[in-house]
Amino acid sequence: MHAFDDSYGFARRLARAAQERLAGVAVRRFPDGETLVRVAQTDRDAILVRSLADPDCKLFETILAANALREAGARRVTLVVPYLPYMRQDKVFHPGEPISQRVIGDLLSTSFDAVLTMEPHLHRVHSLREVFRCRAVNISAAPAIAGWIRRNARRAIVVGPDEESARWVKSIARAAGIDHAVGSKERFGDRRVRVHFEPIRARHAVIVDDIASSGATLAAAARALRAHGVVRVDALVVHAIFATGALATVHRAGVHRVLSCDTIPHPTNAIWCAPLFADRLRKPS
């Protein structure tokens, strides 16, 4: 197993759970801006670990590393990418735009034999099989999230901010053994969101969402829950992108705790998902 420095913490947990040896990927930047990567020699199938938050500066290095592993002796190369970017741009929204999802799918399919990721932000495309030409696996964070809720929020209600989250929220609530509710969302821009809930009779709510960037959705959901008389609101996300000022926005809306899975290194990380990837790696293709 090989990992870049920026994903080494997740990779260390994954290697421990999968009982694999872990080696680093060395990166050298030349004065002209070009990059050289170097990996250890291998005579077996290789696993490369890298989360692709802030993707533009990481994608090419990742593709170079796939080639380096093959040149170093790997027969097959699997990419474990806890956070997979560019999934939201799955059609041409305005003339002259690319379908970014298709571009990244083609790039990674050319370089890797398999791609394992967690909760990619899919909308109109519902399966990674529609995105990748290589084997692609979407691992659900629901078991890890439900486990945290069972241990820490047994009297809460699990809340999803919009209809798109309904099935996911229901599965988390069922696994945690508690009730759930789903809101309706209107988006007026990147940072302008309105969330509406039917009346909720609970004192403690845990908002769950797959990704948080501006924090606008979490903040709007928290304000709506508080308007229904919810006393304590926590927020739990899979991918903690959190742009500058986003956490402050969420806390100002009345969220007590903001927690995240470890797919992207962030101070809010509290839910460890590497064992879920290890379980999937152990299964035959």
Foldseek 3Di string as FASTA:
>chain_A
DEEEPQCVVLVVVLCVLLVHDYDYWDWDADPVGDIDIADAADQEAEEYEDAQQVPPVPPVVVLNVLVNHVVSHHPFYEYEHAHDPLQVQCDPPDPPDDSSLQVVQVSVQVRHQEYEYEDYPHDPDDDCVVRHPHHYYYFYCLVLLLVVCLVPPLQAEEEEQDPVCVVVSVSSCVSNVHHYFYWHKDDPDPQDIATAGDQDDGQEYEYEEAEDEQLNSLLNVLLNVVVNVHNAYAYEYAYYNYDPPNVVSNVVSPHDAYAYDVSRDDPRDDTYCSSSVSVVVPDDD
